[in-house]
Amino acid sequence: MPKNYQVNARGLRADSAAAYLGMGKTKFLELVDKGTIPNPIDIEGIRIWDRFDLDAVLEAAKENIQSERNSFDKMLKVRQ
């Protein structure tokens, strides 16, 4: 985990934001470019991700997985 990573910090640099989500910086930035993860806030040239936005990414991913599971379960019931 990066040295400057603080769980209580709301604004996170790329390496800390990636660690917060449990992934490497390269994958994190790839997902930012893809639009899966929101763009950072630029404060005088410093790119910072809001921890609350990162929490929302995780919640949306969980909802998506749950929705997919429910759809699959429905398909199984129809086939039975």
PDB file of N, CA and C in Angstrom:
ATOM      1  N   MET A   1       0.840  -1.166   0.000  1.00  0.00           N
ATOM      2  CA  MET A   1       0.000   0.000   0.000  1.00  0.00           C
ATOM      3  C   MET A   1       0.894   1.241   0.000  1.00  0.00           C
ATOM      4  N   PRO A   2       0.533   2.279  -0.764  1.00  0.00           N
ATOM      5  CA  PRO A   2       1.375   3.470  -0.821  1.00  0.00           C
ATOM      6  C   PRO A   2       1.566   4.110   0.551  1.00  0.00           C
ATOM      7  N   LYS A   3       2.707   4.733   0.732  1.00  0.00           N
ATOM      8  CA  LYS A   3       3.031   5.361   2.009  1.00  0.00           C
ATOM      9  C   LYS A   3       2.024   6.445   2.395  1.00  0.00           C
ATOM     10  N   ASN A   4       1.552   7.198   1.392  1.00  0.00           N
ATOM     11  CA  ASN A   4       0.678   8.325   1.685  1.00  0.00           C
ATOM     12  C   ASN A   4      -0.794   7.938   1.763  1.00  0.00           C
ATOM     13  N   TYR A   5      -1.095   6.648   1.733  1.00  0.00           N
ATOM     14  CA  TYR A   5      -2.476   6.181   1.793  1.00  0.00           C
ATOM     15  C   TYR A   5      -2.996   6.323   3.209  1.00  0.00           C
ATOM     16  N   GLN A   6      -4.102   7.038   3.342  1.00  0.00           N
ATOM     17  CA  GLN A   6      -4.742   7.199   4.639  1.00  0.00           C
ATOM     18  C   GLN A   6      -6.219   6.879   4.469  1.00  0.00           C
ATOM     19  N   VAL A   7      -6.714   5.965   5.261  1.00  0.00           N
ATOM     20  CA  VAL A   7      -8.106   5.552   5.150  1.00  0.00           C
ATOM     21  C   VAL A   7      -9.047   6.724   5.395  1.00  0.00           C
ATOM     22  N   ASN A   8      -8.688   7.627   6.288  1.00  0.00           N
ATOM     23  CA  ASN A   8      -9.578   8.732   6.616  1.00  0.00           C
ATOM     24  C   ASN A   8      -9.469   9.905   5.647  1.00  0.00           C
ATOM     25  N   ALA A   9      -8.551   9.864   4.696  1.00  0.00           N
ATOM     26  CA  ALA A   9      -8.436  10.944   3.721  1.00  0.00           C
ATOM     27  C   ALA A   9      -9.579  10.846   2.727  1.00  0.00           C
ATOM     28  N   ARG A  10     -10.194  11.972   2.416  1.00  0.00           N
ATOM     29  CA  ARG A  10     -11.284  11.952   1.444  1.00  0.00           C
ATOM     30  C   ARG A  10     -10.744  12.089   0.027  1.00  0.00           C
ATOM     31  N   GLY A  11      -9.750  12.915  -0.167  1.00  0.00           N
ATOM     32  CA  GLY A  11      -9.145  13.091  -1.480  1.00  0.00           C
ATOM     33  C   GLY A  11      -7.940  12.189  -1.626  1.00  0.00           C
ATOM     34  N   LEU A  12      -7.922  11.389  -2.691  1.00  0.00           N
ATOM     35  CA  LEU A  12      -6.850  10.412  -2.875  1.00  0.00           C
ATOM     36  C   LEU A  12      -6.172  10.599  -4.215  1.00  0.00           C
ATOM     37  N   ARG A  13      -4.847  10.512  -4.209  1.00  0.00           N
ATOM     38  CA  ARG A  13      -4.091  10.510  -5.453  1.00  0.00           C
ATOM     39  C   ARG A  13      -4.277   9.148  -6.108  1.00  0.00           C
ATOM     40  N   ALA A  14      -3.839   9.007  -7.357  1.00  0.00           N
ATOM     41  CA  ALA A  14      -4.104   7.794  -8.137  1.00  0.00           C
ATOM     42  C   ALA A  14      -3.638   6.515  -7.449  1.00  0.00           C
ATOM     43  N   ASP A  15      -2.424   6.512  -6.899  1.00  0.00           N
ATOM     44  CA  ASP A  15      -1.922   5.290  -6.271  1.00  0.00           C
ATOM     45  C   ASP A  15      -2.741   4.918  -5.038  1.00  0.00           C
ATOM     46  N   SER A  16      -3.129   5.909  -4.253  1.00  0.00           N
ATOM     47  CA  SER A  16      -3.938   5.649  -3.065  1.00  0.00           C
ATOM     48  C   SER A  16      -5.368   5.275  -3.434  1.00  0.00           C
ATOM     49  N   ALA A  17      -5.913   5.913  -4.457  1.00  0.00           N
ATOM     50  CA  ALA A  17      -7.270   5.594  -4.906  1.00  0.00           C
ATOM     51  C   ALA A  17      -7.325   4.163  -5.432  1.00  0.00           C
ATOM     52  N   ALA A  18      -6.313   3.774  -6.179  1.00  0.00           N
ATOM     53  CA  ALA A  18      -6.242   2.403  -6.687  1.00  0.00           C
ATOM     54  C   ALA A  18      -6.157   1.414  -5.526  1.00  0.00           C
ATOM     55  N   ALA A  19      -5.313   1.705  -4.551  1.00  0.00           N
ATOM     56  CA  ALA A  19      -5.175   0.829  -3.384  1.00  0.00           C
ATOM     57  C   ALA A  19      -6.487   0.772  -2.605  1.00  0.00           C
ATOM     58  N   TYR A  20      -7.176   1.881  -2.515  1.00  0.00           N
ATOM     59  CA  TYR A  20      -8.458   1.932  -1.807  1.00  0.00           C
ATOM     60  C   TYR A  20      -9.462   0.977  -2.448  1.00  0.00           C
ATOM     61  N   LEU A  21      -9.422   0.872  -3.786  1.00  0.00           N
ATOM     62  CA  LEU A  21     -10.314  -0.040  -4.498  1.00  0.00           C
ATOM     63  C   LEU A  21      -9.753  -1.452  -4.607  1.00  0.00           C
ATOM     64  N   GLY A  22      -8.530  -1.637  -4.127  1.00  0.00           N
ATOM     65  CA  GLY A  22      -7.937  -2.975  -4.133  1.00  0.00           C
ATOM     66  C   GLY A  22      -7.372  -3.390  -5.463  1.00  0.00           C
ATOM     67  N   MET A  23      -6.878  -2.445  -6.232  1.00  0.00           N
ATOM     68  CA  MET A  23      -6.303  -2.765  -7.540  1.00  0.00           C
ATOM     69  C   MET A  23      -5.026  -1.967  -7.756  1.00  0.00           C
ATOM     70  N   GLY A  24      -4.310  -2.333  -8.800  1.00  0.00           N
ATOM     71  CA  GLY A  24      -3.089  -1.617  -9.140  1.00  0.00           C
ATOM     72  C   GLY A  24      -3.385  -0.297  -9.829  1.00  0.00           C
ATOM     73  N   LYS A  25      -2.410   0.584  -9.793  1.00  0.00           N
ATOM     74  CA  LYS A  25      -2.562   1.917 -10.377  1.00  0.00           C
ATOM     75  C   LYS A  25      -2.809   1.849 -11.880  1.00  0.00           C
ATOM     76  N   THR A  26      -2.129   0.947 -12.577  1.00  0.00           N
ATOM     77  CA  THR A  26      -2.284   0.842 -14.032  1.00  0.00           C
ATOM     78  C   THR A  26      -3.718   0.477 -14.398  1.00  0.00           C
ATOM     79  N   LYS A  27      -4.277  -0.529 -13.737  1.00  0.00           N
ATOM     80  CA  LYS A  27      -5.659  -0.934 -13.995  1.00  0.00           C
ATOM     81  C   LYS A  27      -6.623   0.180 -13.610  1.00  0.00           C
ATOM     82  N   PHE A  28      -6.364   0.824 -12.498  1.00  0.00           N
ATOM     83  CA  PHE A  28      -7.200   1.928 -12.041  1.00  0.00           C
ATOM     84  C   PHE A  28      -7.277   3.013 -13.111  1.00  0.00           C
ATOM     85  N   LEU A  29      -6.130   3.443 -13.615  1.00  0.00           N
ATOM     86  CA  LEU A  29      -6.110   4.495 -14.627  1.00  0.00           C
ATOM     87  C   LEU A  29      -6.749   4.034 -15.939  1.00  0.00           C
ATOM     88  N   GLU A  30      -6.621   2.760 -16.251  1.00  0.00           N
ATOM     89  CA  GLU A  30      -7.284   2.195 -17.427  1.00  0.00           C
ATOM     90  C   GLU A  30      -8.809   2.311 -17.277  1.00  0.00           C
ATOM     91  N   LEU A  31      -9.310   2.012 -16.092  1.00  0.00           N
ATOM     92  CA  LEU A  31     -10.751   2.103 -15.843  1.00  0.00           C
ATOM     93  C   LEU A  31     -11.236   3.551 -15.814  1.00  0.00           C
ATOM     94  N   VAL A  32     -10.375   4.474 -15.406  1.00  0.00           N
ATOM     95  CA  VAL A  32     -10.716   5.898 -15.470  1.00  0.00           C
ATOM     96  C   VAL A  32     -10.848   6.307 -16.934  1.00  0.00           C
ATOM     97  N   ASP A  33      -9.884   5.913 -17.756  1.00  0.00           N
ATOM     98  CA  ASP A  33      -9.926   6.236 -19.196  1.00  0.00           C
ATOM     99  C   ASP A  33     -11.156   5.630 -19.861  1.00  0.00           C
ATOM    100  N   LYS A  34     -11.547   4.442 -19.425  1.00  0.00           N
ATOM    101  CA  LYS A  34     -12.698   3.738 -19.978  1.00  0.00           C
ATOM    102  C   LYS A  34     -14.027   4.352 -19.510  1.00  0.00           C
ATOM    103  N   GLY A  35     -13.986   5.114 -18.411  1.00  0.00           N
ATOM    104  CA  GLY A  35     -15.189   5.736 -17.871  1.00  0.00           C
ATOM    105  C   GLY A  35     -15.870   4.921 -16.781  1.00  0.00           C
ATOM    106  N   THR A  36     -15.276   3.799 -16.411  1.00  0.00           N
ATOM    107  CA  THR A  36     -15.829   2.965 -15.346  1.00  0.00           C
ATOM    108  C   THR A  36     -15.663   3.643 -13.994  1.00  0.00           C
ATOM    109  N   ILE A  37     -14.565   4.342 -13.838  1.00  0.00           N
ATOM    110  CA  ILE A  37     -14.274   5.095 -12.620  1.00  0.00           C
ATOM    111  C   ILE A  37     -14.277   6.579 -12.995  1.00  0.00           C
ATOM    112  N   PRO A  38     -14.913   7.417 -12.173  1.00  0.00           N
ATOM    113  CA  PRO A  38     -14.998   8.852 -12.501  1.00  0.00           C
ATOM    114  C   PRO A  38     -13.620   9.505 -12.637  1.00  0.00           C
ATOM    115  N   ASN A  39     -13.596  10.562 -13.428  1.00  0.00           N
ATOM    116  CA  ASN A  39     -12.377  11.354 -13.580  1.00  0.00           C
ATOM    117  C   ASN A  39     -12.043  12.042 -12.260  1.00  0.00           C
ATOM    118  N   PRO A  40     -10.785  12.386 -12.084  1.00  0.00           N
ATOM    119  CA  PRO A  40     -10.386  13.071 -10.854  1.00  0.00           C
ATOM    120  C   PRO A  40     -10.801  14.535 -10.864  1.00  0.00           C
ATOM    121  N   ILE A  41     -10.732  15.112  -9.696  1.00  0.00           N
ATOM    122  CA  ILE A  41     -10.884  16.560  -9.540  1.00  0.00           C
ATOM    123  C   ILE A  41      -9.484  17.134  -9.680  1.00  0.00           C
ATOM    124  N   ASP A  42      -9.349  18.200 -10.432  1.00  0.00           N
ATOM    125  CA  ASP A  42      -8.035  18.835 -10.609  1.00  0.00           C
ATOM    126  C   ASP A  42      -7.963  20.057  -9.699  1.00  0.00           C
ATOM    127  N   ILE A  43      -7.055  20.006  -8.742  1.00  0.00           N
ATOM    128  CA  ILE A  43      -6.842  21.143  -7.846  1.00  0.00           C
ATOM    129  C   ILE A  43      -5.423  21.642  -8.083  1.00  0.00           C
ATOM    130  N   GLU A  44      -5.338  22.731  -8.830  1.00  0.00           N
ATOM    131  CA  GLU A  44      -4.053  23.341  -9.170  1.00  0.00           C
ATOM    132  C   GLU A  44      -3.058  22.323  -9.720  1.00  0.00           C
ATOM    133  N   GLY A  45      -3.544  21.500 -10.647  1.00  0.00           N
ATOM    134  CA  GLY A  45      -2.675  20.537 -11.312  1.00  0.00           C
ATOM    135  C   GLY A  45      -2.516  19.209 -10.591  1.00  0.00           C
ATOM    136  N   ILE A  46      -3.138  19.076  -9.431  1.00  0.00           N
ATOM    137  CA  ILE A  46      -3.066  17.826  -8.681  1.00  0.00           C
ATOM    138  C   ILE A  46      -4.363  17.071  -8.920  1.00  0.00           C
ATOM    139  N   ARG A  47      -4.235  15.852  -9.442  1.00  0.00           N
ATOM    140  CA  ARG A  47      -5.414  15.032  -9.733  1.00  0.00           C
ATOM    141  C   ARG A  47      -5.784  14.239  -8.485  1.00  0.00           C
ATOM    142  N   ILE A  48      -7.011  14.467  -8.004  1.00  0.00           N
ATOM    143  CA  ILE A  48      -7.472  13.852  -6.761  1.00  0.00           C
ATOM    144  C   ILE A  48      -8.838  13.204  -6.989  1.00  0.00           C
ATOM    145  N   TRP A  49      -8.978  11.969  -6.508  1.00  0.00           N
ATOM    146  CA  TRP A  49     -10.261  11.266  -6.566  1.00  0.00           C
ATOM    147  C   TRP A  49     -10.941  11.370  -5.219  1.00  0.00           C
ATOM    148  N   ASP A  50     -12.234  11.665  -5.255  1.00  0.00           N
ATOM    149  CA  ASP A  50     -13.039  11.759  -4.037  1.00  0.00           C
ATOM    150  C   ASP A  50     -13.371  10.338  -3.572  1.00  0.00           C
ATOM    151  N   ARG A  51     -13.051  10.028  -2.345  1.00  0.00           N
ATOM    152  CA  ARG A  51     -13.303   8.702  -1.783  1.00  0.00           C
ATOM    153  C   ARG A  51     -14.785   8.334  -1.856  1.00  0.00           C
ATOM    154  N   PHE A  52     -15.659   9.320  -1.711  1.00  0.00           N
ATOM    155  CA  PHE A  52     -17.097   9.048  -1.791  1.00  0.00           C
ATOM    156  C   PHE A  52     -17.486   8.582  -3.197  1.00  0.00           C
ATOM    157  N   ASP A  53     -16.846   9.162  -4.229  1.00  0.00           N
ATOM    158  CA  ASP A  53     -17.101   8.715  -5.606  1.00  0.00           C
ATOM    159  C   ASP A  53     -16.603   7.281  -5.804  1.00  0.00           C
ATOM    160  N   LEU A  54     -15.481   6.956  -5.189  1.00  0.00           N
ATOM    161  CA  LEU A  54     -14.953   5.595  -5.285  1.00  0.00           C
ATOM    162  C   LEU A  54     -15.865   4.608  -4.571  1.00  0.00           C
ATOM    163  N   ASP A  55     -16.427   5.033  -3.446  1.00  0.00           N
ATOM    164  CA  ASP A  55     -17.401   4.189  -2.754  1.00  0.00           C
ATOM    165  C   ASP A  55     -18.608   3.921  -3.657  1.00  0.00           C
ATOM    166  N   ALA A  56     -19.042   4.942  -4.388  1.00  0.00           N
ATOM    167  CA  ALA A  56     -20.185   4.799  -5.292  1.00  0.00           C
ATOM    168  C   ALA A  56     -19.871   3.814  -6.417  1.00  0.00           C
ATOM    169  N   VAL A  57     -18.634   3.794  -6.887  1.00  0.00           N
ATOM    170  CA  VAL A  57     -18.222   2.839  -7.918  1.00  0.00           C
ATOM    171  C   VAL A  57     -18.382   1.411  -7.386  1.00  0.00           C
ATOM    172  N   LEU A  58     -17.925   1.181  -6.161  1.00  0.00           N
ATOM    173  CA  LEU A  58     -18.046  -0.152  -5.562  1.00  0.00           C
ATOM    174  C   LEU A  58     -19.512  -0.546  -5.372  1.00  0.00           C
ATOM    175  N   GLU A  59     -20.326   0.381  -4.900  1.00  0.00           N
ATOM    176  CA  GLU A  59     -21.746   0.082  -4.693  1.00  0.00           C
ATOM    177  C   GLU A  59     -22.433  -0.245  -6.016  1.00  0.00           C
ATOM    178  N   ALA A  60     -22.115   0.512  -7.066  1.00  0.00           N
ATOM    179  CA  ALA A  60     -22.714   0.255  -8.379  1.00  0.00           C
ATOM    180  C   ALA A  60     -22.285  -1.106  -8.905  1.00  0.00           C
ATOM    181  N   ALA A  61     -21.028  -1.462  -8.697  1.00  0.00           N
ATOM    182  CA  ALA A  61     -20.537  -2.774  -9.147  1.00  0.00           C
ATOM    183  C   ALA A  61     -21.255  -3.891  -8.397  1.00  0.00           C
ATOM    184  N   LYS A  62     -21.470  -3.703  -7.098  1.00  0.00           N
ATOM    185  CA  LYS A  62     -22.181  -4.712  -6.308  1.00  0.00           C
ATOM    186  C   LYS A  62     -23.621  -4.858  -6.793  1.00  0.00           C
ATOM    187  N   GLU A  63     -24.280  -3.742  -7.068  1.00  0.00           N
ATOM    188  CA  GLU A  63     -25.661  -3.786  -7.563  1.00  0.00           C
ATOM    189  C   GLU A  63     -25.728  -4.478  -8.917  1.00  0.00           C
ATOM    190  N   ASN A  64     -24.741  -4.207  -9.766  1.00  0.00           N
ATOM    191  CA  ASN A  64     -24.699  -4.823 -11.093  1.00  0.00           C
ATOM    192  C   ASN A  64     -24.531  -6.336 -10.972  1.00  0.00           C
ATOM    193  N   ILE A  65     -23.661  -6.763 -10.090  1.00  0.00           N
ATOM    194  CA  ILE A  65     -23.438  -8.199  -9.883  1.00  0.00           C
ATOM    195  C   ILE A  65     -24.713  -8.847  -9.341  1.00  0.00           C
ATOM    196  N   GLN A  66     -25.345  -8.177  -8.383  1.00  0.00           N
ATOM    197  CA  GLN A  66     -26.576  -8.723  -7.808  1.00  0.00           C
ATOM    198  C   GLN A  66     -27.662  -8.810  -8.873  1.00  0.00           C
ATOM    199  N   SER A  67     -27.757  -7.806  -9.725  1.00  0.00           N
ATOM    200  CA  SER A  67     -28.752  -7.797 -10.797  1.00  0.00           C
ATOM    201  C   SER A  67     -28.500  -8.941 -11.771  1.00  0.00           C
ATOM    202  N   GLU A  68     -27.232  -9.161 -12.111  1.00  0.00           N
ATOM    203  CA  GLU A  68     -26.881 -10.258 -13.018  1.00  0.00           C
ATOM    204  C   GLU A  68     -27.228 -11.602 -12.386  1.00  0.00           C
ATOM    205  N   ARG A  69     -26.969 -11.742 -11.103  1.00  0.00           N
ATOM    206  CA  ARG A  69     -27.300 -12.986 -10.406  1.00  0.00           C
ATOM    207  C   ARG A  69     -28.807 -13.218 -10.430  1.00  0.00           C
ATOM    208  N   ASN A  70     -29.571 -12.166 -10.168  1.00  0.00           N
ATOM    209  CA  ASN A  70     -31.021 -12.302 -10.171  1.00  0.00           C
ATOM    210  C   ASN A  70     -31.525 -12.692 -11.552  1.00  0.00           C
ATOM    211  N   SER A  71     -30.966 -12.096 -12.611  1.00  0.00           N
ATOM    212  CA  SER A  71     -31.368 -12.425 -13.972  1.00  0.00           C
ATOM    213  C   SER A  71     -31.052 -13.881 -14.280  1.00  0.00           C
ATOM    214  N   PHE A  72     -29.896 -14.341 -13.869  1.00  0.00           N
ATOM    215  CA  PHE A  72     -29.502 -15.725 -14.109  1.00  0.00           C
ATOM    216  C   PHE A  72     -30.416 -16.682 -13.347  1.00  0.00           C
ATOM    217  N   ASP A  73     -30.716 -16.309 -12.096  1.00  0.00           N
ATOM    218  CA  ASP A  73     -31.630 -17.136 -11.302  1.00  0.00           C
ATOM    219  C   ASP A  73     -32.996 -17.225 -11.970  1.00  0.00           C
ATOM    220  N   LYS A  74     -33.488 -16.123 -12.518  1.00  0.00           N
ATOM    221  CA  LYS A  74     -34.779 -16.117 -13.207  1.00  0.00           C
ATOM    222  C   LYS A  74     -34.746 -17.028 -14.432  1.00  0.00           C
ATOM    223  N   MET A  75     -33.629 -16.970 -15.173  1.00  0.00           N
ATOM    224  CA  MET A  75     -33.503 -17.813 -16.353  1.00  0.00           C
ATOM    225  C   MET A  75     -33.509 -19.295 -15.963  1.00  0.00           C
ATOM    226  N   LEU A  76     -32.852 -19.620 -14.870  1.00  0.00           N
ATOM    227  CA  LEU A  76     -32.826 -21.017 -14.418  1.00  0.00           C
ATOM    228  C   LEU A  76     -34.236 -21.485 -14.042  1.00  0.00           C
ATOM    229  N   LYS A  77     -35.001 -20.633 -13.384  1.00  0.00           N
ATOM    230  CA  LYS A  77     -36.353 -20.999 -12.982  1.00  0.00           C
ATOM    231  C   LYS A  77     -37.249 -21.216 -14.198  1.00  0.00           C
ATOM    232  N   VAL A  78     -37.075 -20.412 -15.237  1.00  0.00           N
ATOM    233  CA  VAL A  78     -37.882 -20.550 -16.457  1.00  0.00           C
ATOM    234  C   VAL A  78     -37.572 -21.864 -17.144  1.00  0.00           C
ATOM    235  N   ARG A  79     -36.328 -22.286 -17.121  1.00  0.00           N
ATOM    236  CA  ARG A  79     -35.923 -23.524 -17.804  1.00  0.00           C
ATOM    237  C   ARG A  79     -36.388 -24.762 -17.051  1.00  0.00           C
ATOM    238  N   GLN A  80     -36.676 -24.646 -15.769  1.00  0.00           N
ATOM    239  CA  GLN A  80     -37.039 -25.819 -14.959  1.00  0.00           C
ATOM    240  C   GLN A  80     -38.472 -26.230 -15.169  1.00  0.00           C
TER     241      GLN A  80
END
